[in-house]
Protein backbone atom coordinates (compact mmCIF):
# COMPACT_ATOMS: atom_id res chain seq x y z
CA MET A 1 34.40 16.89 55.13
CA THR A 2 30.62 16.82 54.86
CA PHE A 3 28.36 14.83 57.06
CA ILE A 4 27.59 12.18 54.48
CA LYS A 5 31.30 11.67 53.83
CA ARG A 6 31.98 11.26 57.52
CA LEU A 7 29.10 8.83 57.79
CA ARG A 8 30.19 6.81 54.80
CA SER A 9 33.82 6.78 55.98
CA LEU A 10 32.74 4.55 58.81
CA PHE A 11 31.71 1.81 56.40
CA VAL A 12 32.85 2.46 52.84
CA PRO A 13 35.72 4.38 51.15
CA ILE A 14 35.18 8.09 50.55
CA PRO A 15 33.72 8.60 47.03
CA ALA A 16 35.16 10.90 44.44
CA PRO A 17 34.13 14.58 44.57
CA ALA A 18 30.55 15.14 43.49
CA ARG A 19 29.86 16.21 39.96
CA PRO A 20 27.00 18.61 39.26
CA VAL A 21 24.08 17.09 37.38
CA ALA A 22 24.15 18.27 33.81
CA VAL A 23 20.73 18.68 32.26
CA PRO A 24 20.94 17.87 28.52
CA VAL A 25 21.22 21.02 26.44
CA ILE A 26 19.31 20.64 23.18
CA LYS A 27 20.20 22.91 20.35
CA LYS A 28 17.69 24.04 17.79
CA PRO A 29 18.42 22.24 14.49
CA ASN A 30 19.39 24.33 11.54
CA VAL A 31 16.58 23.59 9.10
CA PRO A 32 16.52 25.50 5.80
CA GLU A 33 13.48 27.16 4.32
CA LEU A 34 11.03 24.86 2.56
CA LEU A 35 10.08 24.76 -1.08
CA SER A 36 8.74 27.78 -2.88
CA GLN A 37 6.30 25.97 -5.19
CA PRO A 38 2.75 27.11 -4.38
CA GLU A 39 1.39 23.61 -3.89
CA ILE A 40 4.22 22.50 -1.64
CA GLN A 41 4.51 25.80 0.19
CA ALA A 42 0.84 25.55 1.17
CA THR A 43 1.54 22.29 2.96
CA LEU A 44 5.07 22.65 4.24
CA TYR A 45 6.07 24.99 7.01
CA LYS A 46 9.23 25.93 8.79
CA THR A 47 10.46 23.60 11.49
CA PRO A 48 8.75 24.68 14.73
CA PRO A 49 11.02 26.24 17.36
CA LEU A 50 12.38 23.83 19.92
CA PHE A 51 10.57 24.04 23.25
CA ILE A 52 12.90 23.84 26.23
CA SER A 53 11.49 23.91 29.73
CA ASN A 54 12.36 27.06 31.65
CA GLU A 55 11.56 25.42 34.98
CA PRO A 56 14.90 24.58 36.68
CA LEU A 57 15.51 21.39 38.61
CA PRO A 58 15.52 21.74 42.41
CA TYR A 59 18.91 22.16 44.06
CA TRP A 60 18.98 18.66 45.53
CA LEU A 61 18.69 17.25 41.97
CA THR A 62 21.44 19.43 40.51
CA SER A 63 24.09 18.08 42.88
CA GLU A 64 24.81 14.44 43.48
CA GLU A 65 26.11 15.27 46.97
CA SER A 66 22.78 16.84 47.93
CA LEU A 67 20.89 13.88 46.50
CA ARG A 68 23.04 11.54 48.58
CA ASP A 69 22.18 13.59 51.67
CA GLU A 70 18.49 13.22 50.82
CA GLY A 71 18.91 9.48 50.53
CA VAL A 72 20.71 9.27 53.88
CA LEU A 73 18.01 11.34 55.60
CA PHE A 74 15.28 9.08 54.30
CA GLY A 75 17.28 6.02 55.25
CA LEU A 76 18.08 7.15 58.78
CA ALA A 77 14.48 8.23 59.30
CA ASP A 78 13.34 4.82 57.95
CA ALA A 79 10.89 6.68 55.72
CA GLN A 80 9.41 5.18 52.57
CA PRO A 81 11.32 6.37 49.45
CA THR A 82 8.34 6.00 47.11
CA GLU A 83 7.23 9.62 47.21
CA LYS A 84 10.79 10.93 46.78
CA VAL A 85 11.43 8.67 43.82
CA ALA A 86 8.11 9.78 42.32
CA GLU A 87 9.15 13.40 42.85
CA ILE A 88 12.43 12.82 41.03
CA ARG A 89 10.62 11.23 38.12
CA ALA A 90 8.03 14.02 38.07
CA HIS A 91 10.73 16.69 37.77
CA PHE A 92 12.34 14.92 34.84
CA GLU A 93 8.96 14.28 33.22
CA GLN A 94 8.33 18.01 33.45
CA GLN A 95 11.65 18.57 31.68
CA ALA A 96 10.67 16.02 28.99
CA ILE A 97 7.17 17.39 28.23
CA PRO A 98 8.28 20.12 25.78
CA LEU A 99 10.71 17.67 24.18
CA ASP A 100 7.94 15.12 23.67
CA LYS A 101 5.78 17.85 22.15
CA GLN A 102 8.60 18.82 19.80
CA ARG A 103 9.15 15.19 18.83
CA ASN A 104 5.48 14.77 17.95
CA GLN A 105 5.68 17.87 15.77
CA TYR A 106 8.71 16.49 13.97
CA ILE A 107 6.98 13.15 13.43
CA GLU A 108 3.89 14.92 12.07
CA LYS A 109 6.08 17.05 9.81
CA ILE A 110 7.88 14.00 8.43
CA GLY A 111 4.52 12.33 7.81
CA GLU A 112 3.34 15.32 5.77
CA LEU A 113 6.54 15.30 3.73
CA ASN A 114 6.23 11.56 3.12
CA LEU A 115 2.65 12.11 1.98
CA LEU A 116 3.78 14.72 -0.55
CA ILE A 117 6.50 12.41 -1.81
CA GLY A 118 4.03 9.50 -2.09
CA GLN A 119 1.54 11.59 -4.07
CA ARG A 120 4.19 12.60 -6.57
CA GLU A 121 5.58 9.08 -6.86
CA ASN A 122 2.09 7.73 -7.59
CA ARG A 123 1.59 10.41 -10.24
CA ILE A 124 4.94 9.48 -11.80
CA LEU A 125 3.88 5.81 -11.98
CA VAL A 126 0.66 6.78 -13.76
CA LEU A 127 2.52 8.96 -16.25
CA GLN A 128 5.12 6.25 -16.87
CA ASP A 129 2.35 3.74 -17.60
CA GLN A 130 0.79 6.19 -20.04
CA LEU A 131 4.14 6.81 -21.69
CA LYS A 132 4.84 3.11 -22.09
CA SER A 133 1.32 2.40 -23.36
CA VAL A 134 1.44 5.16 -25.98
CA SER A 135 5.04 4.44 -27.02
CA ASP A 136 4.44 0.71 -27.50
CA ARG A 137 1.10 1.08 -29.28
CA GLN A 138 1.11 1.00 -33.05
CA SER A 139 -1.47 2.17 -35.55
CA THR A 140 -4.05 -0.48 -36.49
CA PRO A 141 -5.09 -0.99 -40.13
CA ASN A 142 -8.64 0.26 -40.49
CA GLY A 143 -9.59 -1.32 -43.83
CA LEU A 144 -11.79 1.64 -44.67
CA LEU A 145 -11.09 1.47 -48.42
CA ARG A 146 -12.03 -2.18 -48.76
CA THR A 147 -15.08 -1.77 -46.53
CA THR A 148 -16.28 1.29 -48.47
CA VAL A 149 -15.95 -0.50 -51.82
CA SER A 150 -17.77 -3.55 -50.43
CA LEU A 151 -20.57 -1.35 -49.14
CA MET A 152 -20.97 0.41 -52.48
CA LEU A 153 -21.11 -2.94 -54.31
CA ALA A 154 -23.68 -4.29 -51.85
CA ILE A 155 -25.83 -1.18 -52.28
CA GLY A 156 -25.59 -1.46 -56.07
CA MET A 157 -26.54 -5.14 -55.92
CA SER A 158 -29.52 -4.35 -53.72
CA ILE A 159 -30.70 -1.60 -56.10
CA GLY A 160 -30.44 -3.93 -59.09
CA THR A 161 -32.36 -6.66 -57.27
CA PHE A 162 -35.09 -4.17 -56.37
CA TYR A 163 -35.59 -3.19 -60.03
CA LEU A 164 -35.69 -6.87 -61.00
CA ILE A 165 -38.44 -7.55 -58.45
CA ASP A 166 -40.25 -4.33 -59.42
CA GLU A 167 -40.32 -5.35 -63.12
CA THR A 168 -41.64 -8.78 -62.14
CA LEU A 169 -44.44 -7.44 -59.94
CA GLU A 170 -45.39 -4.44 -62.09
CA PRO A 171 -48.04 -6.23 -64.24
CA ALA A 172 -50.00 -7.29 -61.18
CA TYR A 173 -48.91 -4.55 -58.77
CA PRO A 174 -48.08 -1.33 -60.61
CA ASN A 175 -47.63 0.59 -57.32
CA HIS A 176 -43.88 0.78 -56.65
CA TRP A 177 -44.39 0.93 -52.89
CA ILE A 178 -45.59 -2.68 -52.99
CA SER A 179 -42.35 -3.72 -54.70
CA ILE A 180 -40.37 -1.79 -52.09
CA GLY A 181 -42.22 -3.57 -49.26
CA VAL A 182 -41.67 -7.01 -50.81
CA PHE A 183 -37.96 -6.25 -51.37
CA LEU A 184 -37.40 -5.03 -47.80
CA ALA A 185 -39.33 -7.97 -46.32
CA GLY A 186 -37.09 -10.48 -48.04
CA MET A 187 -33.84 -8.51 -47.92
CA PHE A 188 -33.51 -7.50 -44.28
CA ASN A 189 -34.17 -10.53 -42.15
CA LEU A 190 -33.17 -9.23 -38.71
CA PHE A 191 -33.55 -12.33 -36.58
CA GLY A 192 -29.79 -12.79 -36.26
CA ARG A 193 -26.63 -10.79 -36.81
CA THR A 194 -25.22 -13.22 -39.36
CA SER A 195 -26.58 -16.07 -41.41
CA PHE A 196 -25.87 -19.61 -40.30
CA PHE A 197 -24.10 -20.04 -43.65
CA TYR A 198 -21.29 -17.85 -42.25
CA GLU A 199 -21.02 -19.67 -38.92
CA GLU A 200 -18.99 -22.78 -38.20
CA SER A 201 -19.95 -25.58 -35.81
CA THR A 202 -23.40 -24.08 -35.32
CA LEU A 203 -26.13 -26.30 -33.88
CA LEU A 204 -29.14 -25.88 -36.14
CA THR A 205 -32.63 -26.23 -34.75
CA SER A 206 -35.95 -26.11 -36.54
CA ARG A 207 -36.68 -22.76 -34.96
CA ARG A 208 -33.34 -21.33 -36.12
CA VAL A 209 -33.94 -22.63 -39.68
CA ILE A 210 -37.42 -21.10 -39.78
CA GLU A 211 -36.10 -17.77 -38.48
CA GLU A 212 -33.36 -17.75 -41.09
CA ILE A 213 -35.18 -18.89 -44.22
CA GLY A 214 -38.88 -18.38 -43.42
CA LEU A 215 -39.33 -14.79 -44.57
CA PRO A 216 -36.84 -14.94 -47.50
CA LEU A 217 -38.50 -18.15 -48.72
CA ALA A 218 -42.01 -16.73 -48.47
CA THR A 219 -40.96 -13.58 -50.35
CA SER A 220 -39.20 -15.59 -53.05
CA VAL A 221 -42.26 -17.82 -53.54
CA PHE A 222 -44.43 -14.72 -53.85
CA VAL A 223 -42.10 -13.33 -56.54
CA LEU A 224 -42.09 -16.74 -58.26
CA SER A 225 -45.87 -16.85 -58.40
CA GLN A 226 -45.94 -13.48 -60.14
CA ALA A 227 -43.07 -14.38 -62.48
CA LEU A 228 -44.87 -17.52 -63.74
CA LYS A 229 -47.60 -15.29 -65.16
CA THR A 230 -45.28 -13.42 -67.50
CA GLN A 231 -42.18 -15.62 -67.84
CA THR A 232 -41.34 -19.18 -68.74
CA VAL A 233 -40.94 -21.81 -66.09
CA TRP A 234 -37.16 -21.82 -66.50
CA GLN A 235 -36.96 -18.05 -66.18
CA ALA A 236 -39.29 -18.02 -63.20
CA GLY A 237 -37.37 -20.86 -61.51
CA ALA A 238 -34.03 -19.14 -62.06
CA LEU A 239 -35.47 -15.91 -60.71
CA PHE A 240 -36.76 -17.77 -57.64
CA ILE A 241 -33.36 -19.31 -56.84
CA PHE A 242 -31.52 -16.03 -57.42
CA VAL A 243 -33.90 -13.95 -55.30
CA PHE A 244 -34.09 -16.58 -52.53
CA PHE A 245 -30.32 -16.80 -51.97
CA LEU A 246 -29.92 -13.07 -52.39
CA PHE A 247 -32.50 -12.48 -49.67
CA LEU A 248 -30.91 -15.18 -47.51
CA LEU A 249 -27.38 -13.80 -47.61
CA ALA A 250 -27.17 -10.29 -49.01
CA GLY A 251 -29.25 -8.45 -46.38
CA LYS A 252 -27.08 -9.53 -43.47
CA LEU A 253 -24.00 -9.05 -45.63
CA LEU A 254 -25.04 -5.42 -46.13
CA PHE A 255 -25.53 -4.88 -42.40
CA SER A 256 -22.21 -6.59 -41.63
CA THR A 257 -20.47 -4.25 -44.06
CA VAL A 258 -22.03 -1.23 -42.35
CA THR A 259 -20.77 -2.55 -39.01
CA LEU A 260 -17.29 -3.01 -40.46
CA LEU A 261 -17.41 0.54 -41.76
CA GLN A 262 -18.31 1.83 -38.31
CA ASN A 263 -15.48 -0.16 -36.72
CA GLY A 264 -13.07 1.14 -39.36
CA ILE A 265 -14.05 4.73 -38.58
CA SER A 266 -13.49 4.10 -34.84
CA ILE A 267 -10.07 2.58 -35.57
CA SER A 268 -9.19 5.56 -37.75
CA GLN A 269 -10.12 7.98 -34.96
CA ALA A 270 -8.07 5.95 -32.47
CA ASN A 271 -5.06 6.05 -34.83
CA ARG A 272 -5.43 9.81 -35.18
CA GLN A 273 -5.60 10.23 -31.39
CA LEU A 274 -2.54 7.99 -31.02
CA LEU A 275 -0.62 10.23 -33.41
CA VAL A 276 -1.66 13.30 -31.42
CA ASP A 277 -0.55 11.63 -28.17
CA LYS A 278 2.86 10.78 -29.59
CA GLN A 279 3.43 14.24 -31.03
CA GLN A 280 1.95 16.41 -28.28
CA ASN A 281 1.29 14.49 -25.06
CA LEU A 282 4.52 12.51 -24.82
CA PRO A 283 6.72 15.61 -24.40
CA VAL A 284 4.24 17.04 -21.89
CA TRP A 285 4.23 13.84 -19.83
CA GLU A 286 8.01 13.57 -19.90
CA ALA A 287 8.34 17.19 -18.76
CA GLU A 288 5.86 16.59 -15.95
CA ILE A 289 7.77 13.51 -14.78
CA GLU A 290 10.98 15.51 -14.71
CA ARG A 291 9.27 18.28 -12.74
CA LEU A 292 7.85 15.79 -10.23
CA ASP A 293 11.30 14.22 -9.79
CA GLN A 294 12.73 17.63 -9.01
CA GLU A 295 9.96 18.32 -6.50
CA ILE A 296 10.60 14.95 -4.81
CA ASP A 297 14.30 15.76 -4.54
CA SER A 298 13.45 19.18 -3.08
CA ILE A 299 11.04 17.70 -0.55
CA ARG A 300 13.62 15.12 0.49
CA THR A 301 16.12 17.95 0.91
CA GLN A 302 13.66 19.51 3.38
CA LYS A 303 12.95 16.17 5.04
CA TRP A 304 16.45 15.08 6.02
CA PRO A 305 17.19 18.02 8.37
CA VAL A 306 13.92 17.28 10.16
CA VAL A 307 14.84 13.59 10.39
CA THR A 308 18.26 14.55 11.77
CA ALA A 309 16.64 16.91 14.28
CA LEU A 310 14.22 14.16 15.34
CA THR A 311 17.09 11.70 15.82
CA THR A 312 19.00 14.24 17.91
CA LEU A 313 15.90 15.01 19.96
CA GLU A 314 15.23 11.33 20.64
CA THR A 315 18.88 10.90 21.68
CA ASP A 316 18.55 13.81 24.11
CA LEU A 317 15.32 12.39 25.48
CA ALA A 318 16.99 9.03 25.99
CA ARG A 319 19.92 10.78 27.71
CA LEU A 320 17.51 12.67 29.95
CA ASN A 321 15.71 9.46 30.91
CA THR A 322 19.04 7.74 31.54
CA ARG A 323 20.11 10.56 33.83
CA ARG A 324 16.81 10.30 35.66
CA ASP A 325 17.33 6.59 36.24
CA GLN A 326 20.91 7.22 37.42
CA LEU A 327 19.73 9.73 40.00
CA VAL A 328 16.96 7.42 41.17
CA ASN A 329 19.50 4.63 41.57
CA LEU A 330 21.88 6.98 43.40
CA PHE A 331 19.15 8.04 45.81
CA MET A 332 18.06 4.46 46.43
CA SER A 333 21.62 3.25 47.00
CA GLU A 334 22.25 5.93 49.62
CA TYR A 335 18.87 5.22 51.14
CA GLU A 336 19.57 1.50 51.44
CA LEU A 337 23.04 2.16 52.83
CA ALA A 338 21.77 4.56 55.51
CA ARG A 339 18.94 2.21 56.37
CA SER A 340 21.35 -0.70 56.75
CA ILE A 341 23.53 1.18 59.27
CA ARG A 342 20.66 2.86 61.07
CA ASN A 343 20.40 0.16 63.69
CA ARG A 344 24.14 0.25 64.34
CA LEU A 345 23.97 3.88 65.48
CA SER A 346 22.77 5.02 68.86
CA GLU A 347 19.86 7.38 69.21
CA GLN A 348 22.24 10.16 70.22
CA GLN A 349 24.37 9.57 67.11
CA ARG A 350 21.31 9.67 64.84
CA GLU A 351 20.08 12.89 66.42
CA SER A 352 23.51 14.44 66.01
CA MET A 353 23.57 13.48 62.35
CA PHE A 354 20.09 14.93 61.79
CA ASN A 355 21.15 18.17 63.42
CA GLU A 356 24.20 18.44 61.17
CA LEU A 357 22.04 17.80 58.06
């Protein structure tokens, strides 16, 4: 019977035979090779080898009986257990350092894999939005035929009006450039995009009225003054009314038709691009989504062994810390027991016990 058993037999029952302290054995997880795609392979790497400390625990920590003896010695000597407890913790911290390093590597690895998965999921969302947008969109009528006919009629009307004004001004102004200037001055009044005749609920001001009708009215009066020299009053008056309203409305109508033609061409180009997207891009986008889904599945296949290895490693770390706390508690219990009986022993008995230890 050992000394500690004989000492404890005086006060407490003899404990069960000591069990050796088992340091957790951590196996290297079986992690398969990562993906072979160039983009993924550049980022992924094999699971790092598991680092296990080669530094063994001291003998008095590998046997509970020896640790009890240490506790009794400290208790009988009435020494402070702080340094011994710190030493026990330091040994186990040394054992846990490579495991903590391995855990950090696993966590970093999982973060990289999650980043790859997130990038591909975001790309899939973008492609799905594009697919839905293109699939739901329909061709828009462009009205090019109607707009083209309207433009041709407006141009023909403008040409006819020019010849009418040119014939009226020719006796007094035989130079055709003068007739062209008068026609353009009255025809293209550019103060506004549309005439107030085409607008509803428009607040008219004197300035707006002058801007709209000032130049067409002045041009029409000029044409009227020249028409009175060669035509009857009725003819000249009818010419004045015709030219005035033509100037007032037709110029902006011509510009509006040109704008409609431009919009129709843009709509036609958009319809053509939509047709190209449906015929060519939709299959490409669908194939890319399928490829990204496969890559995500492959990355997750690589991720789960690492997650399992991390879980196992954290379990082993927790077991190691639990064992550390058990040994600390064992040492402190023996220390407190020896300290409590110290005063019951004579000096000769204590010296004899120290000699046996």
